[in-house]
Amino acid sequence: MTVNGVKKEISVQISLSELLRQEGFQTERIAVERNGEIVPRGSYETTWISNEDQLEVVSFVGGG
């Protein structure tokens, strides 16, 4: 799989929420695209990730 262009390998199937925790993302301030489609935040726990997936994770940053 790739996460933001970086190749990663998983040995067991995990949920998107678990992968995000392992990678250190704060789920309340991100948006995730999986294989070209936005994943609704409410689906992170039930979305299963495989080594064929391509993920883009975008963090929201406030500013002024």
Protein backbone atom coordinates (compact mmCIF):
# COMPACT_ATOMS: atom_id res chain seq x y z
CA MET A 1 0.00 0.00 0.00
CA THR A 2 1.01 3.60 -0.22
CA VAL A 3 0.28 6.32 2.33
CA ASN A 4 0.85 9.82 0.96
CA GLY A 5 3.17 8.37 -1.67
CA VAL A 6 5.24 6.26 0.77
CA LYS A 7 5.18 2.49 0.32
CA LYS A 8 4.08 0.55 3.39
CA GLU A 9 3.54 -3.16 3.97
CA ILE A 10 1.00 -4.64 6.37
CA SER A 11 1.10 -8.27 7.45
CA VAL A 12 -2.47 -8.50 8.73
CA GLN A 13 -5.66 -6.84 7.60
CA ILE A 14 -6.43 -3.79 9.76
CA SER A 15 -9.05 -1.09 9.83
CA LEU A 16 -8.36 2.36 8.50
CA SER A 17 -8.75 3.79 12.01
CA GLU A 18 -6.07 1.42 13.37
CA LEU A 19 -3.68 2.29 10.53
CA LEU A 20 -4.20 6.00 11.16
CA ARG A 21 -3.45 5.52 14.88
CA GLN A 22 -0.30 3.52 14.07
CA GLU A 23 0.85 6.27 11.70
CA GLY A 24 0.25 8.97 14.32
CA PHE A 25 -2.60 10.85 12.63
CA GLN A 26 -5.18 12.72 14.73
CA THR A 27 -8.40 11.50 13.12
CA GLU A 28 -10.47 14.53 14.12
CA ARG A 29 -8.37 16.84 11.92
CA ILE A 30 -7.85 14.83 8.72
CA ALA A 31 -9.55 13.70 5.54
CA VAL A 32 -8.70 10.35 3.93
CA GLU A 33 -8.89 9.35 0.28
CA ARG A 34 -8.69 5.62 -0.44
CA ASN A 35 -8.13 4.53 -4.03
CA GLY A 36 -9.44 7.87 -5.31
CA GLU A 37 -12.55 8.08 -3.11
CA ILE A 38 -13.09 10.04 0.11
CA VAL A 39 -13.72 7.80 3.13
CA PRO A 40 -16.40 9.22 5.45
CA ARG A 41 -15.06 9.71 8.97
CA GLY A 42 -17.80 7.44 10.36
CA SER A 43 -16.48 4.57 8.23
CA TYR A 44 -12.87 4.55 9.47
CA GLU A 45 -13.56 1.67 11.92
CA THR A 46 -15.27 -0.50 9.29
CA THR A 47 -13.00 0.23 6.31
CA TRP A 48 -10.46 -2.58 5.95
CA ILE A 49 -7.07 -1.80 4.41
CA SER A 50 -5.03 -4.10 2.18
CA ASN A 51 -1.56 -3.89 0.64
CA GLU A 52 -3.13 -2.93 -2.71
CA ASP A 53 -4.68 0.29 -1.37
CA GLN A 54 -3.48 3.80 -2.09
CA LEU A 55 -4.22 6.28 0.69
CA GLU A 56 -3.88 10.04 0.77
CA VAL A 57 -4.26 11.63 4.20
CA VAL A 58 -4.70 15.39 4.37
CA SER A 59 -4.41 17.28 7.67
CA PHE A 60 -6.42 20.45 8.26
CA VAL A 61 -4.38 23.33 9.61
CA GLY A 62 -5.94 26.46 11.04
CA GLY A 63 -4.42 29.84 10.50
CA GLY A 64 -5.10 33.47 10.26
